[in-house]
Structure formats: structure tokens, C-alpha cells
Amino acid sequence: CFDPIRDMTFWAILARLTLAVVCGGLIGAEREIKRRPAGFRTHILICLGSAITTLTSQYLLFQHLFNDIARLGAQVISGIGFVGAGTIIVTRDKRVKGLTTAAGLWASACLGLAIGAGYYECVLVSVALILVCMYAFPALENRLILRSRYMNILAELEGMENLGTVLGILRERDVTVFDIDLSKQPVDHRARISVHLSVYLPKNLNHTRLLATLSTLGGMVSIEESQ
């Protein structure tokens, strides 16, 4: 039977492309608010482009010019990796940023493919779940990190001699250090030490208290918890 929403009519195509813009915008808005590399317009264009790809595949199939409707969509799934990889960077302090943005771009592309195919049930559920992940889960993620016994500490010290003091305080508090990464940073003809520590905390010590203790040490320029 005739379905004006799912069939390849002008209004069905318009509805799908409009939905792609809306869904891509909803995901991209969260990235835009947080000033991430790929934001509002990028997510919209990727979602819209994926929808166009699926619609084009369907059109070629109906015109008997193409017999593999999944081929173009498969290229979108693999090709979006190049865009996503461009948003992932490793900062000077060994932090990896852009993973969530890259995953959001990939999800937007998949949504676009589903929208172009007219798979509205999947799209609505997927958009809801993606938005929950983007807006609600960061708070849960932070709680899990704070409760974790594992911790990554990034500290900048005046000199190598201050590292011994830091390690001594960690031993006094039964903190297990299982990885140390050192690098020198010349500042005004002085060699400051940047140290990245991976540690395991005892049950009676939390992240905030340990950072507060270490921040009071002499020779400590800056200290923070890294992800």
C-alpha cells in the first residue's frame, strides 16, 4: 500500500532530509556548547550527507541503475573515520581529546543512513539514547571517576629534586605508583619537570584530598587530575 512518509515521494524525501538536519543539530548542539572541534554545523552536514547517500542509493535502485543498495552507505561508515580522526588530538600534557566528538560524528553518520532509509523507529530511539549519553552521562562518568581507586596525576615541578618529595608523600599514604612519565620544559632558562603519575589509591584516600595534599608541597608549580 502507498505510504507517503516511507515511499520515495517528494514529501517523504523532504521529511527525511529535514529530520536529518534536526537530529544532526541536536547532537551537534552539545558539542558546540562545549566548544569542541566539530560542532553544530558539522554534525548537521554529516547527518544530512549520510541521508542523501541512502536516498541516492534508493533512487538508483528504483531506476534500475544500481543493484547494491548498501554499497554507498558502507563507504560512509568507513569514510567518516577520516573526519573523526581529525578531531582526536593528544595534548602536550598527554591528554587525549576529541574521542566523544569523533564518536558523535560517527553516530550522526549512522543516523543519517537510517533516516535516508526511512527507518524512523530506529532513528527516534537512537536520537533519544544518544542525547542521554551526551547530556546526562557526563555527570555519571565524573562520579565513577571520583570513586575509582585508579588516578592519573599531572604535576609541574620546579626541579627533579621535588619529585622525590612527591613520591615520599605518596608512599606515606600507601599510594601505589605503577607508572611515571617525565619530561622537561624550559622556562626562563630553568628546566621545570612535567610528571605524569598513574597511581592506585587506598580506600581511605580520595582524589580531592590527595591533590590538596600534594598542592601544598614546596616546588609544586601546578597539579591536576588528568583523564
Protein backbone atom coordinates (compact mmCIF):
# COMPACT_ATOMS: atom_id res chain seq x y z
CA CYS A 1 0.00 0.00 0.00
CA PHE A 2 1.03 3.61 -0.53
CA ASP A 3 2.90 5.23 2.38
CA PRO A 4 3.53 8.98 1.90
CA ILE A 5 6.22 9.01 4.59
CA ARG A 6 8.26 5.96 3.64
CA ASP A 7 7.80 5.90 -0.15
CA MET A 8 10.12 7.84 -2.46
CA THR A 9 7.87 10.85 -2.91
CA PHE A 10 8.91 14.49 -2.79
CA TRP A 11 7.31 14.99 0.63
CA ALA A 12 8.90 11.82 2.00
CA ILE A 13 12.33 12.95 0.80
CA LEU A 14 11.76 16.42 2.29
CA ALA A 15 10.70 14.88 5.61
CA ARG A 16 13.82 12.68 5.75
CA LEU A 17 16.24 15.47 4.91
CA THR A 18 14.58 17.79 7.44
CA LEU A 19 14.78 15.09 10.09
CA ALA A 20 18.47 14.62 9.31
CA VAL A 21 19.07 18.34 9.91
CA VAL A 22 17.15 18.22 13.21
CA CYS A 23 18.86 15.08 14.51
CA GLY A 24 22.33 16.22 13.49
CA GLY A 25 21.67 19.59 15.09
CA LEU A 26 20.54 18.05 18.37
CA ILE A 27 23.74 16.05 18.67
CA GLY A 28 25.97 18.86 17.45
CA ALA A 29 24.47 21.42 19.83
CA GLU A 30 26.01 19.69 22.85
CA ARG A 31 29.45 19.72 21.19
CA GLU A 32 29.00 23.36 20.18
CA ILE A 33 28.13 24.39 23.74
CA LYS A 34 31.33 22.75 24.99
CA ARG A 35 33.35 24.42 22.21
CA ARG A 36 34.55 21.16 20.69
CA PRO A 37 36.25 20.99 17.27
CA ALA A 38 33.22 19.61 15.40
CA GLY A 39 30.04 21.36 16.49
CA PHE A 40 26.55 22.25 15.33
CA ARG A 41 27.02 22.69 11.59
CA THR A 42 29.49 19.81 11.22
CA HIS A 43 27.11 17.27 12.75
CA ILE A 44 24.22 18.58 10.65
CA LEU A 45 26.19 18.31 7.42
CA ILE A 46 27.41 14.80 8.19
CA CYS A 47 23.94 13.56 9.12
CA LEU A 48 22.42 15.26 6.08
CA GLY A 49 25.11 13.91 3.77
CA SER A 50 24.55 10.37 5.02
CA ALA A 51 20.80 10.70 4.47
CA ILE A 52 21.45 11.94 0.93
CA THR A 53 23.69 8.94 0.34
CA THR A 54 20.96 6.47 1.30
CA LEU A 55 18.33 8.36 -0.71
CA THR A 56 20.63 8.31 -3.73
CA SER A 57 21.15 4.56 -3.33
CA GLN A 58 17.38 4.04 -3.25
CA TYR A 59 16.87 6.27 -6.28
CA LEU A 60 19.49 4.39 -8.32
CA LEU A 61 17.93 1.10 -7.28
CA PHE A 62 14.44 2.19 -8.35
CA GLN A 63 15.85 3.44 -11.66
CA HIS A 64 17.49 0.03 -12.18
CA LEU A 65 20.90 1.69 -12.39
CA PHE A 66 22.26 0.13 -9.22
CA ASN A 67 21.71 -3.27 -7.65
CA ASP A 68 23.56 -2.97 -4.32
CA ILE A 69 21.71 -0.51 -2.10
CA ALA A 70 24.16 -0.93 0.81
CA ARG A 71 27.35 -0.12 -1.11
CA LEU A 72 27.24 3.69 -0.84
CA GLY A 73 26.24 3.52 2.82
CA ALA A 74 29.18 1.25 3.58
CA GLN A 75 31.53 3.87 2.18
CA VAL A 76 30.01 6.46 4.52
CA ILE A 77 30.67 4.26 7.56
CA SER A 78 34.33 3.79 6.65
CA GLY A 79 34.89 7.28 5.25
CA ILE A 80 33.59 9.12 8.31
CA GLY A 81 36.59 7.74 10.17
CA PHE A 82 38.82 10.28 8.40
CA VAL A 83 36.71 13.16 9.70
CA GLY A 84 36.51 11.70 13.19
CA ALA A 85 40.25 11.08 13.35
CA GLY A 86 40.84 14.76 12.64
CA THR A 87 39.06 15.72 15.87
CA ILE A 88 41.23 13.47 18.07
CA ILE A 89 44.36 15.11 19.43
CA VAL A 90 46.97 14.31 22.06
CA THR A 91 47.84 17.42 24.04
CA ARG A 92 51.24 18.39 25.43
CA ASP A 93 50.25 17.03 28.84
CA LYS A 94 49.47 13.56 27.38
CA ARG A 95 45.71 14.02 27.33
CA VAL A 96 43.65 12.52 24.54
CA LYS A 97 40.82 14.82 23.46
CA GLY A 98 38.15 14.53 20.81
CA LEU A 99 37.07 10.91 21.27
CA THR A 100 33.50 11.82 22.19
CA THR A 101 33.29 14.25 19.27
CA ALA A 102 34.57 11.58 16.88
CA ALA A 103 32.03 9.08 18.22
CA GLY A 104 29.27 11.67 17.86
CA LEU A 105 30.22 12.27 14.23
CA TRP A 106 30.12 8.54 13.55
CA ALA A 107 26.73 8.24 15.27
CA SER A 108 25.42 11.18 13.22
CA ALA A 109 26.51 9.45 10.04
CA CYS A 110 24.75 6.24 11.07
CA LEU A 111 21.62 8.22 11.94
CA GLY A 112 21.68 9.84 8.53
CA LEU A 113 21.80 6.45 6.84
CA ALA A 114 18.82 5.25 8.89
CA ILE A 115 16.89 8.46 8.16
CA GLY A 116 17.56 8.18 4.46
CA ALA A 117 16.24 4.63 4.52
CA GLY A 118 13.05 5.76 6.29
CA TYR A 119 13.76 3.68 9.38
CA TYR A 120 12.06 6.21 11.68
CA GLU A 121 11.54 3.90 14.67
CA CYS A 122 15.26 3.25 14.93
CA VAL A 123 16.04 6.94 14.43
CA LEU A 124 13.78 8.20 17.22
CA VAL A 125 15.06 5.67 19.76
CA SER A 126 18.67 6.23 18.71
CA VAL A 127 18.45 10.02 18.96
CA ALA A 128 16.96 9.76 22.44
CA LEU A 129 19.72 7.41 23.61
CA ILE A 130 22.49 9.49 22.02
CA LEU A 131 21.19 12.66 23.70
CA VAL A 132 21.07 10.85 27.05
CA CYS A 133 24.70 9.81 26.54
CA MET A 134 25.75 13.35 25.61
CA TYR A 135 23.84 15.34 28.25
CA ALA A 136 23.13 13.02 31.20
CA PHE A 137 26.04 10.60 31.30
CA PRO A 138 28.92 13.09 31.87
CA ALA A 139 27.77 13.59 35.47
CA LEU A 140 27.61 9.82 35.99
CA GLU A 141 31.02 9.44 34.37
CA ASN A 142 32.53 12.02 36.74
CA ARG A 143 31.09 10.20 39.75
CA LEU A 144 32.59 6.91 38.57
CA ILE A 145 35.98 8.57 38.05
CA LEU A 146 35.96 10.13 41.54
CA ARG A 147 35.08 6.78 43.12
CA SER A 148 37.73 4.90 41.18
CA ARG A 149 40.84 3.75 43.04
CA TYR A 150 42.90 4.46 39.94
CA MET A 151 44.03 8.02 39.31
CA ASN A 152 46.21 9.91 36.84
CA ILE A 153 48.06 12.94 38.21
CA LEU A 154 49.71 15.61 36.09
CA ALA A 155 52.12 17.83 38.03
CA GLU A 156 54.62 20.52 37.09
CA LEU A 157 57.60 20.79 39.44
CA GLU A 158 60.39 23.33 39.82
CA GLY A 159 63.05 20.64 39.54
CA MET A 160 63.86 16.95 39.70
CA GLU A 161 64.61 17.14 43.42
CA ASN A 162 60.94 17.91 44.12
CA LEU A 163 59.87 14.62 42.56
CA GLY A 164 61.38 12.71 45.46
CA THR A 165 59.24 14.71 47.88
CA VAL A 166 56.11 13.90 45.92
CA LEU A 167 56.91 10.18 45.80
CA GLY A 168 57.67 10.23 49.52
CA ILE A 169 54.24 11.68 50.33
CA LEU A 170 52.60 9.05 48.13
CA ARG A 171 54.44 6.24 49.94
CA GLU A 172 53.42 7.66 53.35
CA ARG A 173 49.78 7.47 52.29
CA ASP A 174 50.07 3.93 50.91
CA VAL A 175 49.53 5.12 47.35
CA THR A 176 50.87 2.67 44.77
CA VAL A 177 52.66 4.29 41.82
CA PHE A 178 52.72 1.98 38.80
CA ASP A 179 53.75 4.38 36.04
CA ILE A 180 55.84 7.58 35.84
CA ASP A 181 56.32 9.70 32.72
CA LEU A 182 58.77 12.62 32.89
CA SER A 183 59.51 15.48 30.51
CA LYS A 184 61.48 18.72 30.85
CA GLN A 185 60.02 22.12 29.98
CA PRO A 186 62.49 25.01 29.68
CA VAL A 187 61.03 28.17 31.24
CA ASP A 188 63.14 31.34 31.56
CA HIS A 189 66.39 29.33 31.35
CA ARG A 190 65.13 26.95 34.05
CA ALA A 191 64.19 23.34 33.43
CA ARG A 192 60.85 22.61 35.02
CA ILE A 193 59.76 18.99 35.26
CA SER A 194 56.40 17.80 33.99
CA VAL A 195 55.49 14.45 35.54
CA HIS A 196 52.55 12.21 34.79
CA LEU A 197 51.82 9.66 37.54
CA SER A 198 49.46 6.71 37.33
CA VAL A 199 48.58 5.63 40.86
CA TYR A 200 46.28 3.34 42.84
CA LEU A 201 44.72 4.82 45.98
CA PRO A 202 43.92 3.09 49.28
CA LYS A 203 40.27 3.01 50.34
CA ASN A 204 40.65 5.76 52.94
CA LEU A 205 42.00 8.33 50.46
CA ASN A 206 40.02 10.12 47.76
CA HIS A 207 41.17 12.06 44.71
CA THR A 208 40.42 15.55 46.04
CA ARG A 209 42.22 15.04 49.35
CA LEU A 210 45.34 13.68 47.66
CA LEU A 211 45.51 16.60 45.22
CA ALA A 212 45.05 19.07 48.08
CA THR A 213 47.93 17.49 50.00
CA LEU A 214 50.31 17.44 47.05
CA SER A 215 49.47 21.02 46.02
CA THR A 216 50.94 22.35 49.29
CA LEU A 217 54.39 20.84 48.69
CA GLY A 218 57.34 23.10 48.01
CA GLY A 219 58.42 23.29 44.40
CA MET A 220 54.93 22.39 43.15
CA VAL A 221 54.04 24.75 40.27
CA SER A 222 50.73 23.14 39.30
CA ILE A 223 48.89 19.89 39.78
CA GLU A 224 45.69 18.42 38.43
CA GLU A 225 44.00 15.13 37.73
CA SER A 226 44.20 14.09 34.10
CA GLN A 227 41.83 11.76 32.29
